[in-house]
mmCIF file of all heavy atoms, coordinates in Angstrom:
data_MODEL
# 
_entry.id   MODEL 
# 
loop_
_atom_site.group_PDB 
_atom_site.id 
_atom_site.type_symbol 
_atom_site.label_atom_id 
_atom_site.label_alt_id 
_atom_site.label_comp_id 
_atom_site.label_asym_id 
_atom_site.label_entity_id 
_atom_site.label_seq_id 
_atom_site.pdbx_PDB_ins_code 
_atom_site.Cartn_x 
_atom_site.Cartn_y 
_atom_site.Cartn_z 
_atom_site.occupancy 
_atom_site.B_iso_or_equiv 
_atom_site.pdbx_formal_charge 
_atom_site.auth_seq_id 
_atom_site.auth_comp_id 
_atom_site.auth_asym_id 
_atom_site.auth_atom_id 
_atom_site.pdbx_PDB_model_num 
ATOM 1   N N   . ALA A 1 1  ? -77.422 4.792   111.953 1.00 0.00 ? 1  ALA A N   1 
ATOM 2   C CA  . ALA A 1 1  ? -76.703 3.645   112.502 1.00 0.00 ? 1  ALA A CA  1 
ATOM 3   C C   . ALA A 1 1  ? -76.360 3.830   113.975 1.00 0.00 ? 1  ALA A C   1 
ATOM 4   O O   . ALA A 1 1  ? -76.057 2.861   114.673 1.00 0.00 ? 1  ALA A O   1 
ATOM 5   C CB  . ALA A 1 1  ? -75.427 3.403   111.699 1.00 0.00 ? 1  ALA A CB  1 
ATOM 6   N N   . GLU A 1 2  ? -76.402 5.047   114.458 1.00 0.00 ? 2  GLU A N   1 
ATOM 7   C CA  . GLU A 1 2  ? -76.001 5.348   115.831 1.00 0.00 ? 2  GLU A CA  1 
ATOM 8   C C   . GLU A 1 2  ? -76.954 6.380   116.404 1.00 0.00 ? 2  GLU A C   1 
ATOM 9   O O   . GLU A 1 2  ? -77.381 7.306   115.702 1.00 0.00 ? 2  GLU A O   1 
ATOM 10  C CB  . GLU A 1 2  ? -74.565 5.884   115.845 1.00 0.00 ? 2  GLU A CB  1 
ATOM 11  C CG  . GLU A 1 2  ? -74.010 6.156   117.226 1.00 0.00 ? 2  GLU A CG  1 
ATOM 12  C CD  . GLU A 1 2  ? -72.583 6.697   117.177 1.00 0.00 ? 2  GLU A CD  1 
ATOM 13  O OE1 . GLU A 1 2  ? -72.290 7.505   116.283 1.00 0.00 ? 2  GLU A OE1 1 
ATOM 14  O OE2 . GLU A 1 2  ? -71.779 6.301   118.039 1.00 0.00 ? 2  GLU A OE2 1 
ATOM 15  N N   . SER A 1 3  ? -77.302 6.234   117.663 1.00 0.00 ? 3  SER A N   1 
ATOM 16  C CA  . SER A 1 3  ? -78.211 7.192   118.280 1.00 0.00 ? 3  SER A CA  1 
ATOM 17  C C   . SER A 1 3  ? -77.554 8.560   118.390 1.00 0.00 ? 3  SER A C   1 
ATOM 18  O O   . SER A 1 3  ? -76.325 8.685   118.461 1.00 0.00 ? 3  SER A O   1 
ATOM 19  C CB  . SER A 1 3  ? -78.629 6.715   119.680 1.00 0.00 ? 3  SER A CB  1 
ATOM 20  O OG  . SER A 1 3  ? -77.579 6.906   120.605 1.00 0.00 ? 3  SER A OG  1 
ATOM 21  N N   . GLY A 1 4  ? -78.390 9.574   118.418 1.00 0.00 ? 4  GLY A N   1 
ATOM 22  C CA  . GLY A 1 4  ? -77.879 10.926  118.603 1.00 0.00 ? 4  GLY A CA  1 
ATOM 23  C C   . GLY A 1 4  ? -77.221 11.098  119.955 1.00 0.00 ? 4  GLY A C   1 
ATOM 24  O O   . GLY A 1 4  ? -76.262 11.868  120.104 1.00 0.00 ? 4  GLY A O   1 
ATOM 25  N N   . LEU A 1 5  ? -77.717 10.376  120.959 1.00 0.00 ? 5  LEU A N   1 
ATOM 26  C CA  . LEU A 1 5  ? -77.139 10.501  122.299 1.00 0.00 ? 5  LEU A CA  1 
ATOM 27  C C   . LEU A 1 5  ? -75.700 10.007  122.336 1.00 0.00 ? 5  LEU A C   1 
ATOM 28  O O   . LEU A 1 5  ? -74.846 10.591  123.007 1.00 0.00 ? 5  LEU A O   1 
ATOM 29  C CB  . LEU A 1 5  ? -77.985 9.725   123.308 1.00 0.00 ? 5  LEU A CB  1 
ATOM 30  C CG  . LEU A 1 5  ? -79.416 10.222  123.476 1.00 0.00 ? 5  LEU A CG  1 
ATOM 31  C CD1 . LEU A 1 5  ? -80.133 9.421   124.548 1.00 0.00 ? 5  LEU A CD1 1 
ATOM 32  C CD2 . LEU A 1 5  ? -79.438 11.703  123.822 1.00 0.00 ? 5  LEU A CD2 1 
ATOM 33  N N   . ALA A 1 6  ? -75.411 8.918   121.616 1.00 0.00 ? 6  ALA A N   1 
ATOM 34  C CA  . ALA A 1 6  ? -74.035 8.421   121.549 1.00 0.00 ? 6  ALA A CA  1 
ATOM 35  C C   . ALA A 1 6  ? -73.132 9.474   120.919 1.00 0.00 ? 6  ALA A C   1 
ATOM 36  O O   . ALA A 1 6  ? -72.021 9.736   121.389 1.00 0.00 ? 6  ALA A O   1 
ATOM 37  C CB  . ALA A 1 6  ? -73.984 7.122   120.752 1.00 0.00 ? 6  ALA A CB  1 
ATOM 38  N N   . ARG A 1 7  ? -73.633 10.108  119.860 1.00 0.00 ? 7  ARG A N   1 
ATOM 39  C CA  . ARG A 1 7  ? -72.857 11.163  119.212 1.00 0.00 ? 7  ARG A CA  1 
ATOM 40  C C   . ARG A 1 7  ? -72.690 12.363  120.135 1.00 0.00 ? 7  ARG A C   1 
ATOM 41  O O   . ARG A 1 7  ? -71.633 13.015  120.146 1.00 0.00 ? 7  ARG A O   1 
ATOM 42  C CB  . ARG A 1 7  ? -73.533 11.590  117.913 1.00 0.00 ? 7  ARG A CB  1 
ATOM 43  C CG  . ARG A 1 7  ? -73.529 10.534  116.822 1.00 0.00 ? 7  ARG A CG  1 
ATOM 44  C CD  . ARG A 1 7  ? -74.086 11.068  115.510 1.00 0.00 ? 7  ARG A CD  1 
ATOM 45  N NE  . ARG A 1 7  ? -75.509 11.384  115.578 1.00 0.00 ? 7  ARG A NE  1 
ATOM 46  C CZ  . ARG A 1 7  ? -76.006 12.610  115.556 1.00 0.00 ? 7  ARG A CZ  1 
ATOM 47  N NH1 . ARG A 1 7  ? -75.195 13.660  115.468 1.00 0.00 ? 7  ARG A NH1 1 
ATOM 48  N NH2 . ARG A 1 7  ? -77.316 12.813  115.610 1.00 0.00 ? 7  ARG A NH2 1 
ATOM 49  N N   . LEU A 1 8  ? -73.724 12.641  120.911 1.00 0.00 ? 8  LEU A N   1 
ATOM 50  C CA  . LEU A 1 8  ? -73.691 13.794  121.802 1.00 0.00 ? 8  LEU A CA  1 
ATOM 51  C C   . LEU A 1 8  ? -72.636 13.627  122.897 1.00 0.00 ? 8  LEU A C   1 
ATOM 52  O O   . LEU A 1 8  ? -71.835 14.535  123.161 1.00 0.00 ? 8  LEU A O   1 
ATOM 53  C CB  . LEU A 1 8  ? -75.068 14.009  122.430 1.00 0.00 ? 8  LEU A CB  1 
ATOM 54  C CG  . LEU A 1 8  ? -75.207 15.178  123.406 1.00 0.00 ? 8  LEU A CG  1 
ATOM 55  C CD1 . LEU A 1 8  ? -74.930 16.492  122.706 1.00 0.00 ? 8  LEU A CD1 1 
ATOM 56  C CD2 . LEU A 1 8  ? -76.593 15.187  124.029 1.00 0.00 ? 8  LEU A CD2 1 
ATOM 57  N N   . VAL A 1 9  ? -72.625 12.476  123.549 1.00 0.00 ? 9  VAL A N   1 
ATOM 58  C CA  . VAL A 1 9  ? -71.656 12.240  124.616 1.00 0.00 ? 9  VAL A CA  1 
ATOM 59  C C   . VAL A 1 9  ? -70.240 12.230  124.043 1.00 0.00 ? 9  VAL A C   1 
ATOM 60  O O   . VAL A 1 9  ? -69.307 12.770  124.633 1.00 0.00 ? 9  VAL A O   1 
ATOM 61  C CB  . VAL A 1 9  ? -71.964 10.932  125.363 1.00 0.00 ? 9  VAL A CB  1 
ATOM 62  C CG1 . VAL A 1 9  ? -70.901 10.652  126.419 1.00 0.00 ? 9  VAL A CG1 1 
ATOM 63  C CG2 . VAL A 1 9  ? -73.341 11.006  126.026 1.00 0.00 ? 9  VAL A CG2 1 
ATOM 64  N N   . ARG A 1 10 ? -70.081 11.626  122.880 1.00 0.00 ? 10 ARG A N   1 
ATOM 65  C CA  . ARG A 1 10 ? -68.764 11.597  122.241 1.00 0.00 ? 10 ARG A CA  1 
ATOM 66  C C   . ARG A 1 10 ? -68.311 13.012  121.888 1.00 0.00 ? 10 ARG A C   1 
ATOM 67  O O   . ARG A 1 10 ? -67.142 13.370  122.054 1.00 0.00 ? 10 ARG A O   1 
ATOM 68  C CB  . ARG A 1 10 ? -68.800 10.716  121.001 1.00 0.00 ? 10 ARG A CB  1 
ATOM 69  C CG  . ARG A 1 10 ? -67.427 10.410  120.414 1.00 0.00 ? 10 ARG A CG  1 
ATOM 70  C CD  . ARG A 1 10 ? -67.503 9.401   119.289 1.00 0.00 ? 10 ARG A CD  1 
ATOM 71  N NE  . ARG A 1 10 ? -68.022 8.121   119.749 1.00 0.00 ? 10 ARG A NE  1 
ATOM 72  C CZ  . ARG A 1 10 ? -69.202 7.625   119.394 1.00 0.00 ? 10 ARG A CZ  1 
ATOM 73  N NH1 . ARG A 1 10 ? -69.977 8.285   118.563 1.00 0.00 ? 10 ARG A NH1 1 
ATOM 74  N NH2 . ARG A 1 10 ? -69.589 6.463   119.848 1.00 0.00 ? 10 ARG A NH2 1 
ATOM 75  N N   . ALA A 1 11 ? -69.238 13.832  121.403 1.00 0.00 ? 11 ALA A N   1 
ATOM 76  C CA  . ALA A 1 11 ? -68.900 15.214  121.069 1.00 0.00 ? 11 ALA A CA  1 
ATOM 77  C C   . ALA A 1 11 ? -68.489 15.998  122.319 1.00 0.00 ? 11 ALA A C   1 
ATOM 78  O O   . ALA A 1 11 ? -67.598 16.845  122.264 1.00 0.00 ? 11 ALA A O   1 
ATOM 79  C CB  . ALA A 1 11 ? -70.093 15.893  120.388 1.00 0.00 ? 11 ALA A CB  1 
ATOM 80  N N   . THR A 1 12 ? -69.138 15.710  123.447 1.00 0.00 ? 12 THR A N   1 
ATOM 81  C CA  . THR A 1 12 ? -68.770 16.354  124.705 1.00 0.00 ? 12 THR A CA  1 
ATOM 82  C C   . THR A 1 12 ? -67.356 15.971  125.112 1.00 0.00 ? 12 THR A C   1 
ATOM 83  O O   . THR A 1 12 ? -66.557 16.811  125.553 1.00 0.00 ? 12 THR A O   1 
ATOM 84  C CB  . THR A 1 12 ? -69.756 15.965  125.820 1.00 0.00 ? 12 THR A CB  1 
ATOM 85  O OG1 . THR A 1 12 ? -71.084 16.311  125.426 1.00 0.00 ? 12 THR A OG1 1 
ATOM 86  C CG2 . THR A 1 12 ? -69.418 16.672  127.123 1.00 0.00 ? 12 THR A CG2 1 
ATOM 87  N N   . TYR A 1 13 ? -67.032 14.697  124.949 1.00 0.00 ? 13 TYR A N   1 
ATOM 88  C CA  . TYR A 1 13 ? -65.680 14.215  125.246 1.00 0.00 ? 13 TYR A CA  1 
ATOM 89  C C   . TYR A 1 13 ? -64.656 14.955  124.401 1.00 0.00 ? 13 TYR A C   1 
ATOM 90  O O   . TYR A 1 13 ? -63.625 15.431  124.893 1.00 0.00 ? 13 TYR A O   1 
ATOM 91  C CB  . TYR A 1 13 ? -65.615 12.715  124.949 1.00 0.00 ? 13 TYR A CB  1 
ATOM 92  C CG  . TYR A 1 13 ? -65.197 11.867  126.129 1.00 0.00 ? 13 TYR A CG  1 
ATOM 93  C CD1 . TYR A 1 13 ? -65.827 12.007  127.364 1.00 0.00 ? 13 TYR A CD1 1 
ATOM 94  C CD2 . TYR A 1 13 ? -64.191 10.917  126.016 1.00 0.00 ? 13 TYR A CD2 1 
ATOM 95  C CE1 . TYR A 1 13 ? -65.469 11.229  128.431 1.00 0.00 ? 13 TYR A CE1 1 
ATOM 96  C CE2 . TYR A 1 13 ? -63.823 10.130  127.083 1.00 0.00 ? 13 TYR A CE2 1 
ATOM 97  C CZ  . TYR A 1 13 ? -64.462 10.290  128.292 1.00 0.00 ? 13 TYR A CZ  1 
ATOM 98  O OH  . TYR A 1 13 ? -64.087 9.527   129.356 1.00 0.00 ? 13 TYR A OH  1 
ATOM 99  N N   . GLU A 1 14 ? -64.924 15.053  123.096 1.00 0.00 ? 14 GLU A N   1 
ATOM 100 C CA  . GLU A 1 14 ? -64.003 15.720  122.178 1.00 0.00 ? 14 GLU A CA  1 
ATOM 101 C C   . GLU A 1 14 ? -63.891 17.206  122.511 1.00 0.00 ? 14 GLU A C   1 
ATOM 102 O O   . GLU A 1 14 ? -62.807 17.799  122.430 1.00 0.00 ? 14 GLU A O   1 
ATOM 103 C CB  . GLU A 1 14 ? -64.465 15.527  120.736 1.00 0.00 ? 14 GLU A CB  1 
ATOM 104 C CG  . GLU A 1 14 ? -64.387 14.083  120.256 1.00 0.00 ? 14 GLU A CG  1 
ATOM 105 C CD  . GLU A 1 14 ? -65.031 13.889  118.895 1.00 0.00 ? 14 GLU A CD  1 
ATOM 106 O OE1 . GLU A 1 14 ? -65.554 14.892  118.339 1.00 0.00 ? 14 GLU A OE1 1 
ATOM 107 O OE2 . GLU A 1 14 ? -65.011 12.755  118.390 1.00 0.00 ? 14 GLU A OE2 1 
ATOM 108 N N   . LEU A 1 15 ? -65.010 17.812  122.877 1.00 0.00 ? 15 LEU A N   1 
ATOM 109 C CA  . LEU A 1 15 ? -65.030 19.227  123.227 1.00 0.00 ? 15 LEU A CA  1 
ATOM 110 C C   . LEU A 1 15 ? -64.056 19.528  124.359 1.00 0.00 ? 15 LEU A C   1 
ATOM 111 O O   . LEU A 1 15 ? -63.354 20.544  124.352 1.00 0.00 ? 15 LEU A O   1 
ATOM 112 C CB  . LEU A 1 15 ? -66.453 19.628  123.636 1.00 0.00 ? 15 LEU A CB  1 
ATOM 113 C CG  . LEU A 1 15 ? -66.676 21.070  124.075 1.00 0.00 ? 15 LEU A CG  1 
ATOM 114 C CD1 . LEU A 1 15 ? -66.637 21.994  122.862 1.00 0.00 ? 15 LEU A CD1 1 
ATOM 115 C CD2 . LEU A 1 15 ? -68.018 21.196  124.797 1.00 0.00 ? 15 LEU A CD2 1 
ATOM 116 N N   . LEU A 1 16 ? -63.986 18.639  125.332 1.00 0.00 ? 16 LEU A N   1 
ATOM 117 C CA  . LEU A 1 16 ? -63.142 18.833  126.507 1.00 0.00 ? 16 LEU A CA  1 
ATOM 118 C C   . LEU A 1 16 ? -61.741 18.261  126.334 1.00 0.00 ? 16 LEU A C   1 
ATOM 119 O O   . LEU A 1 16 ? -60.936 18.295  127.265 1.00 0.00 ? 16 LEU A O   1 
ATOM 120 C CB  . LEU A 1 16 ? -63.815 18.206  127.733 1.00 0.00 ? 16 LEU A CB  1 
ATOM 121 C CG  . LEU A 1 16 ? -65.102 18.895  128.185 1.00 0.00 ? 16 LEU A CG  1 
ATOM 122 C CD1 . LEU A 1 16 ? -65.833 18.060  129.218 1.00 0.00 ? 16 LEU A CD1 1 
ATOM 123 C CD2 . LEU A 1 16 ? -64.791 20.282  128.744 1.00 0.00 ? 16 LEU A CD2 1 
ATOM 124 N N   . GLY A 1 17 ? -61.443 17.732  125.138 1.00 0.00 ? 17 GLY A N   1 
ATOM 125 C CA  . GLY A 1 17 ? -60.109 17.196  124.885 1.00 0.00 ? 17 GLY A CA  1 
ATOM 126 C C   . GLY A 1 17 ? -59.805 15.956  125.707 1.00 0.00 ? 17 GLY A C   1 
ATOM 127 O O   . GLY A 1 17 ? -58.677 15.776  126.190 1.00 0.00 ? 17 GLY A O   1 
ATOM 128 N N   . LEU A 1 18 ? -60.807 15.081  125.857 1.00 0.00 ? 18 LEU A N   1 
ATOM 129 C CA  . LEU A 1 18 ? -60.656 13.902  126.696 1.00 0.00 ? 18 LEU A CA  1 
ATOM 130 C C   . LEU A 1 18 ? -60.411 12.655  125.861 1.00 0.00 ? 18 LEU A C   1 
ATOM 131 O O   . LEU A 1 18 ? -60.737 12.595  124.684 1.00 0.00 ? 18 LEU A O   1 
ATOM 132 C CB  . LEU A 1 18 ? -61.910 13.696  127.546 1.00 0.00 ? 18 LEU A CB  1 
ATOM 133 C CG  . LEU A 1 18 ? -62.303 14.868  128.445 1.00 0.00 ? 18 LEU A CG  1 
ATOM 134 C CD1 . LEU A 1 18 ? -63.628 14.591  129.134 1.00 0.00 ? 18 LEU A CD1 1 
ATOM 135 C CD2 . LEU A 1 18 ? -61.217 15.148  129.475 1.00 0.00 ? 18 LEU A CD2 1 
ATOM 136 N N   . GLN A 1 19 ? -59.828 11.658  126.484 1.00 0.00 ? 19 GLN A N   1 
ATOM 137 C CA  . GLN A 1 19 ? -59.711 10.343  125.874 1.00 0.00 ? 19 GLN A CA  1 
ATOM 138 C C   . GLN A 1 19 ? -59.797 9.293   126.970 1.00 0.00 ? 19 GLN A C   1 
ATOM 139 O O   . GLN A 1 19 ? -59.827 9.607   128.158 1.00 0.00 ? 19 GLN A O   1 
ATOM 140 C CB  . GLN A 1 19 ? -58.411 10.200  125.077 1.00 0.00 ? 19 GLN A CB  1 
ATOM 141 C CG  . GLN A 1 19 ? -57.148 10.167  125.902 1.00 0.00 ? 19 GLN A CG  1 
ATOM 142 C CD  . GLN A 1 19 ? -55.899 10.111  125.033 1.00 0.00 ? 19 GLN A CD  1 
ATOM 143 O OE1 . GLN A 1 19 ? -55.754 10.857  124.063 1.00 0.00 ? 19 GLN A OE1 1 
ATOM 144 N NE2 . GLN A 1 19 ? -54.968 9.236   125.389 1.00 0.00 ? 19 GLN A NE2 1 
ATOM 145 N N   . THR A 1 20 ? -59.832 8.022   126.558 1.00 0.00 ? 20 THR A N   1 
ATOM 146 C CA  . THR A 1 20 ? -60.071 6.916   127.476 1.00 0.00 ? 20 THR A CA  1 
ATOM 147 C C   . THR A 1 20 ? -58.920 5.928   127.428 1.00 0.00 ? 20 THR A C   1 
ATOM 148 O O   . THR A 1 20 ? -58.318 5.697   126.383 1.00 0.00 ? 20 THR A O   1 
ATOM 149 C CB  . THR A 1 20 ? -61.369 6.188   127.086 1.00 0.00 ? 20 THR A CB  1 
ATOM 150 O OG1 . THR A 1 20 ? -62.462 7.117   127.186 1.00 0.00 ? 20 THR A OG1 1 
ATOM 151 C CG2 . THR A 1 20 ? -61.657 5.010   127.996 1.00 0.00 ? 20 THR A CG2 1 
ATOM 152 N N   . TYR A 1 21 ? -58.589 5.366   128.591 1.00 0.00 ? 21 TYR A N   1 
ATOM 153 C CA  . TYR A 1 21 ? -57.748 4.166   128.625 1.00 0.00 ? 21 TYR A CA  1 
ATOM 154 C C   . TYR A 1 21 ? -58.442 3.145   129.516 1.00 0.00 ? 21 TYR A C   1 
ATOM 155 O O   . TYR A 1 21 ? -59.442 3.452   130.181 1.00 0.00 ? 21 TYR A O   1 
ATOM 156 C CB  . TYR A 1 21 ? -56.325 4.480   129.101 1.00 0.00 ? 21 TYR A CB  1 
ATOM 157 C CG  . TYR A 1 21 ? -56.167 4.611   130.609 1.00 0.00 ? 21 TYR A CG  1 
ATOM 158 C CD1 . TYR A 1 21 ? -55.871 3.503   131.397 1.00 0.00 ? 21 TYR A CD1 1 
ATOM 159 C CD2 . TYR A 1 21 ? -56.304 5.841   131.244 1.00 0.00 ? 21 TYR A CD2 1 
ATOM 160 C CE1 . TYR A 1 21 ? -55.725 3.613   132.771 1.00 0.00 ? 21 TYR A CE1 1 
ATOM 161 C CE2 . TYR A 1 21 ? -56.163 5.961   132.610 1.00 0.00 ? 21 TYR A CE2 1 
ATOM 162 C CZ  . TYR A 1 21 ? -55.872 4.845   133.369 1.00 0.00 ? 21 TYR A CZ  1 
ATOM 163 O OH  . TYR A 1 21 ? -55.740 4.950   134.733 1.00 0.00 ? 21 TYR A OH  1 
ATOM 164 N N   . TYR A 1 22 ? -57.920 1.901   129.524 1.00 0.00 ? 22 TYR A N   1 
ATOM 165 C CA  . TYR A 1 22 ? -58.632 0.806   130.186 1.00 0.00 ? 22 TYR A CA  1 
ATOM 166 C C   . TYR A 1 22 ? -57.722 0.046   131.148 1.00 0.00 ? 22 TYR A C   1 
ATOM 167 O O   . TYR A 1 22 ? -56.514 -0.067  130.945 1.00 0.00 ? 22 TYR A O   1 
ATOM 168 C CB  . TYR A 1 22 ? -59.180 -0.184  129.137 1.00 0.00 ? 22 TYR A CB  1 
ATOM 169 C CG  . TYR A 1 22 ? -59.961 0.480   128.044 1.00 0.00 ? 22 TYR A CG  1 
ATOM 170 C CD1 . TYR A 1 22 ? -59.356 0.870   126.851 1.00 0.00 ? 22 TYR A CD1 1 
ATOM 171 C CD2 . TYR A 1 22 ? -61.317 0.761   128.208 1.00 0.00 ? 22 TYR A CD2 1 
ATOM 172 C CE1 . TYR A 1 22 ? -60.067 1.505   125.850 1.00 0.00 ? 22 TYR A CE1 1 
ATOM 173 C CE2 . TYR A 1 22 ? -62.039 1.399   127.210 1.00 0.00 ? 22 TYR A CE2 1 
ATOM 174 C CZ  . TYR A 1 22 ? -61.404 1.772   126.033 1.00 0.00 ? 22 TYR A CZ  1 
ATOM 175 O OH  . TYR A 1 22 ? -62.103 2.405   125.044 1.00 0.00 ? 22 TYR A OH  1 
ATOM 176 N N   . THR A 1 23 ? -58.364 -0.469  132.193 1.00 0.00 ? 23 THR A N   1 
ATOM 177 C CA  . THR A 1 23 ? -57.760 -1.515  133.019 1.00 0.00 ? 23 THR A CA  1 
ATOM 178 C C   . THR A 1 23 ? -58.696 -2.718  132.962 1.00 0.00 ? 23 THR A C   1 
ATOM 179 O O   . THR A 1 23 ? -59.918 -2.554  132.829 1.00 0.00 ? 23 THR A O   1 
ATOM 180 C CB  . THR A 1 23 ? -57.570 -1.055  134.486 1.00 0.00 ? 23 THR A CB  1 
ATOM 181 O OG1 . THR A 1 23 ? -58.834 -0.604  135.015 1.00 0.00 ? 23 THR A OG1 1 
ATOM 182 C CG2 . THR A 1 23 ? -56.561 0.077   134.573 1.00 0.00 ? 23 THR A CG2 1 
ATOM 183 N N   . ALA A 1 24 ? -58.127 -3.899  133.036 1.00 0.00 ? 24 ALA A N   1 
ATOM 184 C CA  . ALA A 1 24 ? -58.951 -5.110  132.892 1.00 0.00 ? 24 ALA A CA  1 
ATOM 185 C C   . ALA A 1 24 ? -58.435 -6.214  133.794 1.00 0.00 ? 24 ALA A C   1 
ATOM 186 O O   . ALA A 1 24 ? -57.230 -6.468  133.858 1.00 0.00 ? 24 ALA A O   1 
ATOM 187 C CB  . ALA A 1 24 ? -58.935 -5.584  131.435 1.00 0.00 ? 24 ALA A CB  1 
ATOM 188 N N   . GLY A 1 25 ? -59.369 -6.842  134.508 1.00 0.00 ? 25 GLY A N   1 
ATOM 189 C CA  . GLY A 1 25 ? -59.019 -7.946  135.391 1.00 0.00 ? 25 GLY A CA  1 
ATOM 190 C C   . GLY A 1 25 ? -60.271 -8.704  135.781 1.00 0.00 ? 25 GLY A C   1 
ATOM 191 O O   . GLY A 1 25 ? -61.376 -8.388  135.317 1.00 0.00 ? 25 GLY A O   1 
ATOM 192 N N   . PRO A 1 26 ? -60.154 -9.708  136.639 1.00 0.00 ? 26 PRO A N   1 
ATOM 193 C CA  . PRO A 1 26 ? -61.306 -10.535 136.998 1.00 0.00 ? 26 PRO A CA  1 
ATOM 194 C C   . PRO A 1 26 ? -62.405 -9.774  137.746 1.00 0.00 ? 26 PRO A C   1 
ATOM 195 O O   . PRO A 1 26 ? -63.572 -10.147 137.679 1.00 0.00 ? 26 PRO A O   1 
ATOM 196 C CB  . PRO A 1 26 ? -60.701 -11.633 137.879 1.00 0.00 ? 26 PRO A CB  1 
ATOM 197 C CG  . PRO A 1 26 ? -59.379 -11.091 138.339 1.00 0.00 ? 26 PRO A CG  1 
ATOM 198 C CD  . PRO A 1 26 ? -58.898 -10.190 137.259 1.00 0.00 ? 26 PRO A CD  1 
ATOM 199 N N   . LYS A 1 27 ? -62.070 -8.710  138.457 1.00 0.00 ? 27 LYS A N   1 
ATOM 200 C CA  . LYS A 1 27 ? -63.074 -7.954  139.204 1.00 0.00 ? 27 LYS A CA  1 
ATOM 201 C C   . LYS A 1 27 ? -63.835 -6.972  138.317 1.00 0.00 ? 27 LYS A C   1 
ATOM 202 O O   . LYS A 1 27 ? -65.056 -6.836  138.454 1.00 0.00 ? 27 LYS A O   1 
ATOM 203 C CB  . LYS A 1 27 ? -62.422 -7.205  140.369 1.00 0.00 ? 27 LYS A CB  1 
ATOM 204 C CG  . LYS A 1 27 ? -61.930 -8.108  141.492 1.00 0.00 ? 27 LYS A CG  1 
ATOM 205 C CD  . LYS A 1 27 ? -61.422 -7.275  142.649 1.00 0.00 ? 27 LYS A CD  1 
ATOM 206 C CE  . LYS A 1 27 ? -60.977 -8.169  143.807 1.00 0.00 ? 27 LYS A CE  1 
ATOM 207 N NZ  . LYS A 1 27 ? -60.480 -7.379  144.966 1.00 0.00 ? 27 LYS A NZ  1 
ATOM 208 N N   . GLU A 1 28 ? -63.117 -6.286  137.439 1.00 0.00 ? 28 GLU A N   1 
ATOM 209 C CA  . GLU A 1 28 ? -63.787 -5.303  136.589 1.00 0.00 ? 28 GLU A CA  1 
ATOM 210 C C   . GLU A 1 28 ? -62.957 -4.964  135.365 1.00 0.00 ? 28 GLU A C   1 
ATOM 211 O O   . GLU A 1 28 ? -61.723 -5.062  135.382 1.00 0.00 ? 28 GLU A O   1 
ATOM 212 C CB  . GLU A 1 28 ? -64.093 -4.024  137.365 1.00 0.00 ? 28 GLU A CB  1 
ATOM 213 C CG  . GLU A 1 28 ? -62.860 -3.242  137.774 1.00 0.00 ? 28 GLU A CG  1 
ATOM 214 C CD  . GLU A 1 28 ? -63.166 -1.962  138.535 1.00 0.00 ? 28 GLU A CD  1 
ATOM 215 O OE1 . GLU A 1 28 ? -64.178 -1.928  139.274 1.00 0.00 ? 28 GLU A OE1 1 
ATOM 216 O OE2 . GLU A 1 28 ? -62.375 -1.000  138.410 1.00 0.00 ? 28 GLU A OE2 1 
ATOM 217 N N   . ILE A 1 29 ? -63.665 -4.595  134.322 1.00 0.00 ? 29 ILE A N   1 
ATOM 218 C CA  . ILE A 1 29 ? -63.069 -3.953  133.153 1.00 0.00 ? 29 ILE A CA  1 
ATOM 219 C C   . ILE A 1 29 ? -63.561 -2.522  133.192 1.00 0.00 ? 29 ILE A C   1 
ATOM 220 O O   . ILE A 1 29 ? -64.768 -2.274  133.241 1.00 0.00 ? 29 ILE A O   1 
ATOM 221 C CB  . ILE A 1 29 ? -63.505 -4.640  131.849 1.00 0.00 ? 29 ILE A CB  1 
ATOM 222 C CG1 . ILE A 1 29 ? -62.994 -6.079  131.814 1.00 0.00 ? 29 ILE A CG1 1 
ATOM 223 C CG2 . ILE A 1 29 ? -63.005 -3.864  130.632 1.00 0.00 ? 29 ILE A CG2 1 
ATOM 224 C CD1 . ILE A 1 29 ? -63.624 -6.920  130.720 1.00 0.00 ? 29 ILE A CD1 1 
# 
């Protein structure tokens, strides 16, 4: 259901203890 590359990048994020937050407006999300 998901490419290995998506899992790979996500695993790298988890490995480094990272997470994401967002900003959103008319110029960019």
